[in-house]
Amino acid sequence: MEQRQYIGNGEMDSPLSYALNRGDQGIHQLVERAIRHGDAMLAFQPIVVAKRPDTVAFYEGLIRILDADGNILPAGQFMHVAETREIGRIIDCLALEMGLQALYEEPALRLSVNMSARSIGYPRWTEVLNKGLAMDKTIGERLILEITESSAMIMPELVTVFMANTHRRGVCFALDDFGAGYTAFRHLKDFYFDIVKIDGQFIRNIHEDANNQVLAAALASIGQQFDMLTVAEAVEQPEEAACLQSLGFDCLQGYYFGMPTTNPVWKSEREKQVAS
């Protein structure tokens, strides 16, 4: 059954609207209820090759929480509340578990899953990772763990050790929201990131903003210097895409190329095969 998405349309009687209007406490209670009832899912968004936008390089798995009426709560609505609490670690576990299952079910899939550096060493998260990687020997090389700048800089020494150990198992790492203002460059050279995703604040309307063109090109150049695949986030217009292609980005991500969906192409095709 298709779930309704919350779009701020005044559904004041829904559990989601009630939680949002109550602020952090209401959202926290809503997320806790969803976790208890298993009301979570991944939405998949494509990241395309810049020079061949009809080719998907990989997907990002974005966690979604459902309220009691089936309204979808995107991560941006609740992660600021959950990030520093144990519930944030549980959300990371759920996202990783669902991502690993998707990789197991679809052998051609390459997928990035978001995590917080705070989940490193969290026993349940580590258990989920180990169990998932053991399901299929190809899963490790198709899994990308995505860490935001702010999260990585909380405990850079721990992150670098974790990345080095996990790299040996074939897993890649993406630095999310690069340029948001947190990374100390003395640490950047010590990290083991394979992919760098330039923050959307530098991408929106970039074709009309000469300053952002210079900044985005500089950030991409830093990533390329460290042999990272460069991804531009939040691409929503064809003019932005064309500008980013000319600046030499490797990959592009945003609504212009595809909205996050809980029913991606491979799931639709599998359902058709079952139905026939």
Protein backbone atom coordinates (compact mmCIF):
# COMPACT_ATOMS: atom_id res chain seq x y z
CA MET A 1 0.00 0.00 0.00
CA GLU A 2 1.34 3.41 -0.96
CA GLN A 3 2.16 5.57 2.04
CA ARG A 4 1.16 9.23 2.20
CA GLN A 5 3.94 11.78 2.32
CA TYR A 6 3.76 14.78 4.65
CA ILE A 7 4.06 18.01 2.66
CA GLY A 8 3.01 20.53 5.26
CA ASN A 9 -0.54 20.83 3.98
CA GLY A 10 -2.25 21.55 7.29
CA GLU A 11 -3.13 18.01 8.38
CA MET A 12 -3.20 19.18 11.97
CA ASP A 13 -5.01 16.10 13.18
CA SER A 14 -2.35 13.63 12.04
CA PRO A 15 0.21 12.19 14.53
CA LEU A 16 2.98 13.61 12.35
CA SER A 17 1.59 17.14 12.36
CA TYR A 18 1.01 16.91 16.11
CA ALA A 19 4.61 15.79 16.69
CA LEU A 20 6.09 18.49 14.48
CA ASN A 21 4.08 21.17 16.25
CA ARG A 22 5.24 19.94 19.64
CA GLY A 23 8.88 20.30 18.59
CA ASP A 24 11.80 18.04 19.57
CA GLN A 25 9.95 16.16 22.32
CA GLY A 26 7.05 15.27 20.02
CA ILE A 27 9.36 14.15 17.21
CA HIS A 28 11.41 12.06 19.64
CA GLN A 29 8.29 10.26 20.87
CA LEU A 30 7.09 9.71 17.31
CA VAL A 31 10.44 8.19 16.28
CA GLU A 32 10.50 5.96 19.35
CA ARG A 33 7.00 4.69 18.55
CA ALA A 34 7.96 4.01 14.92
CA ILE A 35 11.04 2.05 15.96
CA ARG A 36 9.05 -0.05 18.44
CA HIS A 37 6.56 -0.95 15.69
CA GLY A 38 9.12 -1.43 12.92
CA ASP A 39 7.68 1.50 10.94
CA ALA A 40 10.85 2.42 9.06
CA MET A 41 11.99 2.05 5.48
CA LEU A 42 14.64 3.23 3.05
CA ALA A 43 14.00 5.61 0.18
CA PHE A 44 16.51 5.24 -2.66
CA GLN A 45 17.88 8.20 -4.62
CA PRO A 46 20.15 7.80 -7.65
CA ILE A 47 23.58 9.38 -7.98
CA VAL A 48 24.32 9.62 -11.70
CA VAL A 49 27.50 9.86 -13.76
CA ALA A 50 27.91 13.54 -14.70
CA LYS A 51 28.95 12.92 -18.30
CA ARG A 52 26.34 10.17 -18.76
CA PRO A 53 23.35 11.23 -16.62
CA ASP A 54 21.32 8.27 -17.79
CA THR A 55 23.82 6.01 -15.98
CA VAL A 56 23.46 5.47 -12.22
CA ALA A 57 26.78 5.25 -10.37
CA PHE A 58 25.16 4.23 -7.09
CA TYR A 59 22.12 4.92 -4.91
CA GLU A 60 21.81 6.55 -1.52
CA GLY A 61 19.52 4.85 0.99
CA LEU A 62 17.70 7.49 3.04
CA ILE A 63 15.83 6.34 6.12
CA ARG A 64 12.16 7.23 6.49
CA ILE A 65 10.04 6.92 9.62
CA LEU A 66 6.25 6.42 9.50
CA ASP A 67 3.75 7.80 11.96
CA ALA A 68 0.68 5.85 13.07
CA ASP A 69 -1.29 7.02 10.02
CA GLY A 70 1.44 6.07 7.54
CA ASN A 71 2.71 9.62 6.96
CA ILE A 72 6.39 9.65 6.01
CA LEU A 73 8.85 11.59 8.14
CA PRO A 74 12.13 12.27 6.23
CA ALA A 75 15.40 12.06 8.14
CA GLY A 76 15.83 15.83 8.04
CA GLN A 77 12.80 16.15 10.31
CA PHE A 78 14.15 13.97 13.11
CA MET A 79 17.91 13.37 12.95
CA HIS A 80 18.71 16.68 14.66
CA VAL A 81 16.72 15.35 17.62
CA ALA A 82 18.11 11.81 17.53
CA GLU A 83 21.74 12.45 16.60
CA THR A 84 23.18 12.80 20.10
CA ARG A 85 20.93 10.21 21.78
CA GLU A 86 20.88 6.44 21.77
CA ILE A 87 17.84 6.54 19.52
CA GLY A 88 20.19 7.93 16.88
CA ARG A 89 22.33 4.82 17.16
CA ILE A 90 19.23 2.63 16.77
CA ILE A 91 18.22 4.59 13.66
CA ASP A 92 21.72 4.01 12.24
CA CYS A 93 21.31 0.29 12.96
CA LEU A 94 17.97 0.20 11.15
CA ALA A 95 19.32 2.08 8.13
CA LEU A 96 22.36 -0.19 7.89
CA GLU A 97 20.32 -3.35 8.34
CA MET A 98 17.86 -2.37 5.60
CA GLY A 99 20.68 -1.25 3.32
CA LEU A 100 22.56 -4.52 3.72
CA GLN A 101 19.37 -6.47 3.05
CA ALA A 102 18.82 -4.46 -0.15
CA LEU A 103 22.38 -5.24 -1.26
CA TYR A 104 21.81 -8.92 -0.55
CA GLU A 105 18.56 -9.00 -2.52
CA GLU A 106 19.89 -7.03 -5.51
CA PRO A 107 23.38 -8.23 -6.59
CA ALA A 108 23.84 -5.36 -9.08
CA LEU A 109 23.11 -2.65 -6.51
CA ARG A 110 25.74 -0.30 -5.09
CA LEU A 111 24.40 1.64 -2.12
CA SER A 112 25.47 4.33 0.32
CA VAL A 113 24.00 4.32 3.83
CA ASN A 114 24.28 7.22 6.28
CA MET A 115 25.86 6.76 9.67
CA SER A 116 27.09 8.89 12.54
CA ALA A 117 30.60 8.61 13.89
CA ARG A 118 28.88 8.13 17.24
CA SER A 119 27.77 4.68 16.07
CA ILE A 120 31.37 3.47 15.76
CA GLY A 121 31.81 1.01 18.59
CA TYR A 122 28.08 0.80 19.31
CA PRO A 123 27.74 -2.99 19.80
CA ARG A 124 24.47 -3.47 17.92
CA TRP A 125 25.64 -1.42 14.91
CA THR A 126 28.88 -3.39 14.72
CA GLU A 127 26.92 -6.64 14.95
CA VAL A 128 24.60 -5.56 12.11
CA LEU A 129 27.60 -4.66 9.93
CA ASN A 130 29.43 -7.93 10.59
CA LYS A 131 26.32 -10.02 10.00
CA GLY A 132 25.48 -8.18 6.79
CA LEU A 133 28.96 -8.45 5.31
CA ALA A 134 28.92 -12.19 6.02
CA MET A 135 25.73 -12.73 3.98
CA ASP A 136 27.49 -12.35 0.64
CA LYS A 137 31.16 -11.81 -0.15
CA THR A 138 30.30 -9.07 -2.69
CA ILE A 139 28.32 -6.91 -0.25
CA GLY A 140 31.38 -5.19 1.24
CA GLU A 141 32.59 -3.91 -2.11
CA ARG A 142 29.10 -2.59 -2.94
CA LEU A 143 28.50 -0.84 0.40
CA ILE A 144 29.36 2.83 0.93
CA LEU A 145 29.17 4.30 4.43
CA GLU A 146 28.34 8.00 4.35
CA ILE A 147 29.52 10.25 7.18
CA THR A 148 28.86 13.98 7.42
CA GLU A 149 31.66 16.47 7.93
CA SER A 150 30.32 17.49 11.33
CA SER A 151 30.10 13.87 12.50
CA ALA A 152 33.58 12.93 11.27
CA MET A 153 35.16 15.85 13.11
CA ILE A 154 33.65 14.89 16.48
CA MET A 155 36.26 12.17 16.94
CA PRO A 156 38.62 12.18 13.93
CA GLU A 157 41.19 9.81 15.41
CA LEU A 158 38.55 7.13 16.09
CA VAL A 159 37.04 7.64 12.63
CA THR A 160 40.36 7.16 10.85
CA VAL A 161 41.08 3.89 12.68
CA PHE A 162 37.58 2.59 11.99
CA MET A 163 37.83 3.53 8.31
CA ALA A 164 41.21 1.88 7.89
CA ASN A 165 39.95 -1.37 9.41
CA THR A 166 36.68 -1.36 7.47
CA HIS A 167 38.40 -0.53 4.18
CA ARG A 168 40.17 -3.85 4.41
CA ARG A 169 36.76 -5.49 4.16
CA GLY A 170 36.06 -3.77 0.85
CA VAL A 171 33.75 -1.04 2.18
CA CYS A 172 34.02 2.49 0.75
CA PHE A 173 33.40 5.78 2.55
CA ALA A 174 31.76 9.03 1.45
CA LEU A 175 32.26 12.40 3.11
CA ASP A 176 28.86 14.09 3.12
CA ASP A 177 28.12 17.85 3.15
CA PHE A 178 31.72 18.77 2.36
CA GLY A 179 32.25 22.52 2.62
CA ALA A 180 29.70 23.01 5.39
CA GLY A 181 32.54 24.38 7.52
CA TYR A 182 33.71 21.65 9.88
CA THR A 183 36.61 19.72 8.37
CA ALA A 184 40.12 20.71 9.39
CA PHE A 185 42.31 20.05 6.38
CA ARG A 186 45.03 18.60 8.59
CA HIS A 187 42.57 15.76 9.34
CA LEU A 188 41.22 15.44 5.80
CA LYS A 189 44.49 14.02 4.49
CA ASP A 190 44.41 11.37 7.22
CA PHE A 191 40.87 10.16 6.50
CA TYR A 192 40.17 7.30 4.11
CA PHE A 193 37.28 8.78 2.15
CA ASP A 194 36.73 7.48 -1.37
CA ILE A 195 33.91 9.87 -2.26
CA VAL A 196 33.32 13.52 -1.41
CA LYS A 197 29.85 15.07 -1.69
CA ILE A 198 29.86 18.86 -2.03
CA ASP A 199 27.25 20.54 0.16
CA GLY A 200 24.12 21.75 -1.60
CA GLN A 201 24.58 25.36 -0.46
CA PHE A 202 27.28 25.69 -3.13
CA ILE A 203 25.22 23.95 -5.82
CA ARG A 204 21.82 25.65 -5.83
CA ASN A 205 21.61 28.15 -8.72
CA ILE A 206 25.33 27.70 -9.32
CA HIS A 207 24.88 28.66 -12.97
CA GLU A 208 23.92 32.17 -11.79
CA ASP A 209 26.47 32.54 -9.00
CA ALA A 210 30.10 33.11 -10.01
CA ASN A 211 31.27 32.89 -6.38
CA ASN A 212 29.72 29.47 -5.88
CA GLN A 213 31.22 28.31 -9.17
CA VAL A 214 34.68 29.15 -7.83
CA LEU A 215 33.97 27.62 -4.41
CA ALA A 216 32.44 24.41 -5.79
CA ALA A 217 35.33 23.99 -8.24
CA ALA A 218 37.82 24.51 -5.40
CA LEU A 219 36.10 21.96 -3.14
CA ALA A 220 35.92 19.44 -6.00
CA SER A 221 39.60 20.04 -6.73
CA ILE A 222 40.47 19.22 -3.11
CA GLY A 223 38.56 15.95 -3.40
CA GLN A 224 40.27 15.09 -6.67
CA GLN A 225 43.67 15.86 -5.14
CA PHE A 226 42.97 13.14 -2.58
CA ASP A 227 41.71 10.71 -5.27
CA MET A 228 38.08 11.02 -4.20
CA LEU A 229 35.10 10.67 -6.52
CA THR A 230 33.37 14.07 -6.52
CA VAL A 231 29.58 14.34 -6.17
CA ALA A 232 27.50 17.52 -6.36
CA GLU A 233 24.43 17.38 -4.10
CA ALA A 234 21.04 19.08 -4.43
CA VAL A 235 21.00 19.40 -8.24
CA GLU A 236 17.48 20.50 -9.18
CA GLN A 237 17.77 22.32 -12.52
CA PRO A 238 19.21 21.41 -15.95
CA GLU A 239 21.26 24.63 -15.90
CA GLU A 240 22.89 23.56 -12.63
CA ALA A 241 23.67 20.14 -14.07
CA ALA A 242 25.27 21.64 -17.19
CA CYS A 243 27.40 24.00 -15.11
CA LEU A 244 28.58 21.19 -12.82
CA GLN A 245 29.45 19.02 -15.81
CA SER A 246 31.61 21.85 -17.16
CA LEU A 247 33.34 22.17 -13.77
CA GLY A 248 34.43 18.53 -13.99
CA PHE A 249 32.33 16.85 -11.30
CA ASP A 250 32.26 13.06 -11.50
CA CYS A 251 28.68 12.51 -10.30
CA LEU A 252 25.49 14.46 -9.64
CA GLN A 253 22.65 13.92 -7.16
CA GLY A 254 19.36 15.72 -6.75
CA TYR A 255 15.69 15.91 -7.59
CA TYR A 256 16.50 16.75 -11.22
CA PHE A 257 17.75 13.17 -11.64
CA GLY A 258 15.35 11.42 -9.31
CA MET A 259 13.33 11.82 -6.13
CA PRO A 260 14.02 9.38 -3.27
CA THR A 261 11.59 6.49 -3.67
CA THR A 262 10.70 3.52 -1.52
CA ASN A 263 9.87 1.55 -4.66
CA PRO A 264 13.01 1.71 -6.82
CA VAL A 265 13.35 0.24 -10.31
CA TRP A 266 14.71 -3.11 -9.23
CA LYS A 267 11.86 -3.63 -6.74
CA SER A 268 9.26 -2.73 -9.36
CA GLU A 269 10.77 -5.17 -11.85
CA ARG A 270 10.88 -7.92 -9.25
CA GLU A 271 7.21 -7.33 -8.37
CA LYS A 272 6.26 -7.50 -12.05
CA GLN A 273 8.09 -10.81 -12.42
CA VAL A 274 6.31 -12.23 -9.38
CA ALA A 275 2.93 -11.03 -10.66
CA SER A 276 3.48 -12.59 -14.08
